[in-house]
């Protein structure tokens, strides 16, 4: 998880909405949310703030860096950490 910006402020309503959506989720194994906005609006900072405030509520928290097509390597790393054999699996 990237470091929390010490100057992060506000957005409490959005953080409450994210928390509420996770609490109301029915599938505890694969809860996920997407934050969308134009570049530079603070999406990553918002996600980092949420994770830092709520880290202890979850069994596993992963930050996936998908810049430049890195999602395959991120999933490969998760599989290795969980001991999953990925031979023959393809992520497109």
Protein backbone atom coordinates (compact mmCIF):
# COMPACT_ATOMS: atom_id res chain seq x y z
CA UNK A 1 0.00 0.00 0.00
CA UNK A 2 1.48 3.38 -0.91
CA UNK A 3 2.19 5.85 1.89
CA UNK A 4 -0.61 8.06 3.15
CA UNK A 5 -0.35 11.71 2.17
CA UNK A 6 -0.12 13.60 5.48
CA UNK A 7 -1.86 16.57 3.83
CA UNK A 8 -4.95 14.57 2.82
CA UNK A 9 -8.07 16.30 4.09
CA UNK A 10 -11.81 16.26 3.55
CA UNK A 11 -13.75 13.80 1.41
CA UNK A 12 -15.36 12.29 4.54
CA UNK A 13 -18.68 11.76 2.75
CA UNK A 14 -17.00 9.78 -0.02
CA UNK A 15 -15.02 7.73 2.53
CA UNK A 16 -18.26 6.96 4.40
CA UNK A 17 -19.92 5.85 1.17
CA UNK A 18 -17.04 3.51 0.35
CA UNK A 19 -17.20 2.02 3.87
CA UNK A 20 -20.98 1.60 3.63
CA UNK A 21 -20.70 -0.14 0.27
CA UNK A 22 -18.16 -2.61 1.65
CA UNK A 23 -20.27 -3.26 4.76
CA UNK A 24 -23.33 -4.00 2.64
CA UNK A 25 -21.47 -6.32 0.28
CA UNK A 26 -22.67 -9.92 0.17
CA UNK A 27 -19.51 -11.59 -1.10
CA UNK A 28 -16.84 -11.14 1.56
CA UNK A 29 -14.25 -12.99 -0.50
CA UNK A 30 -14.21 -10.66 -3.48
CA UNK A 31 -15.43 -7.29 -2.33
CA UNK A 32 -14.19 -4.56 -4.60
CA UNK A 33 -15.05 -1.05 -5.62
CA UNK A 34 -13.99 1.28 -8.36
CA UNK A 35 -13.34 4.99 -7.98
CA UNK A 36 -13.57 6.90 -11.23
CA UNK A 37 -12.86 10.51 -12.12
CA UNK A 38 -10.61 12.45 -14.44
CA UNK A 39 -6.88 12.42 -13.83
CA UNK A 40 -5.56 14.43 -10.92
CA UNK A 41 -8.78 14.38 -8.90
CA UNK A 42 -7.28 12.36 -6.03
CA UNK A 43 -8.65 8.87 -6.68
CA UNK A 44 -5.49 7.14 -5.52
CA UNK A 45 -5.16 9.38 -2.46
CA UNK A 46 -8.79 8.62 -1.55
CA UNK A 47 -8.20 4.87 -1.84
CA UNK A 48 -4.99 5.08 0.20
CA UNK A 49 -6.80 7.05 2.91
CA UNK A 50 -9.62 4.48 3.03
CA UNK A 51 -7.17 1.58 3.31
CA UNK A 52 -5.18 3.28 6.06
CA UNK A 53 -8.34 4.03 8.04
CA UNK A 54 -9.85 0.55 7.63
CA UNK A 55 -6.93 -1.87 7.20
CA UNK A 56 -7.70 -3.77 10.41
CA UNK A 57 -11.23 -4.65 9.25
CA UNK A 58 -10.08 -6.92 6.42
CA UNK A 59 -8.19 -10.20 6.19
CA UNK A 60 -6.35 -9.25 3.02
CA UNK A 61 -5.82 -5.90 1.36
CA UNK A 62 -3.97 -5.64 -1.95
CA UNK A 63 -2.90 -2.61 -3.90
CA UNK A 64 -2.70 -3.52 -7.59
CA UNK A 65 -0.49 -1.37 -9.77
CA UNK A 66 -1.97 -1.69 -13.24
CA UNK A 67 -0.03 1.15 -14.87
CA UNK A 68 1.50 0.10 -18.17
CA UNK A 69 -0.23 -3.28 -18.32
CA UNK A 70 1.18 -4.50 -15.01
CA UNK A 71 -1.98 -6.31 -13.94
CA UNK A 72 -0.72 -9.71 -15.11
CA UNK A 73 2.41 -9.47 -12.99
CA UNK A 74 0.30 -8.30 -10.03
CA UNK A 75 -1.94 -11.38 -10.29
CA UNK A 76 1.10 -13.61 -10.75
CA UNK A 77 2.54 -12.20 -7.51
CA UNK A 78 -0.71 -12.81 -5.62
CA UNK A 79 -0.83 -16.39 -6.92
CA UNK A 80 2.76 -16.99 -5.75
CA UNK A 81 1.97 -15.58 -2.30
CA UNK A 82 -1.08 -17.85 -2.02
CA UNK A 83 0.78 -20.88 -3.34
CA UNK A 84 -1.38 -21.19 -6.48
CA UNK A 85 0.19 -23.01 -9.42
CA UNK A 86 -0.46 -20.85 -12.48
CA UNK A 87 1.06 -23.18 -15.07
CA UNK A 88 -1.26 -23.29 -18.07
CA UNK A 89 -3.25 -20.25 -16.93
CA UNK A 90 -3.40 -17.22 -19.17
CA UNK A 91 -4.50 -13.72 -18.23
CA UNK A 92 -5.46 -11.71 -21.28
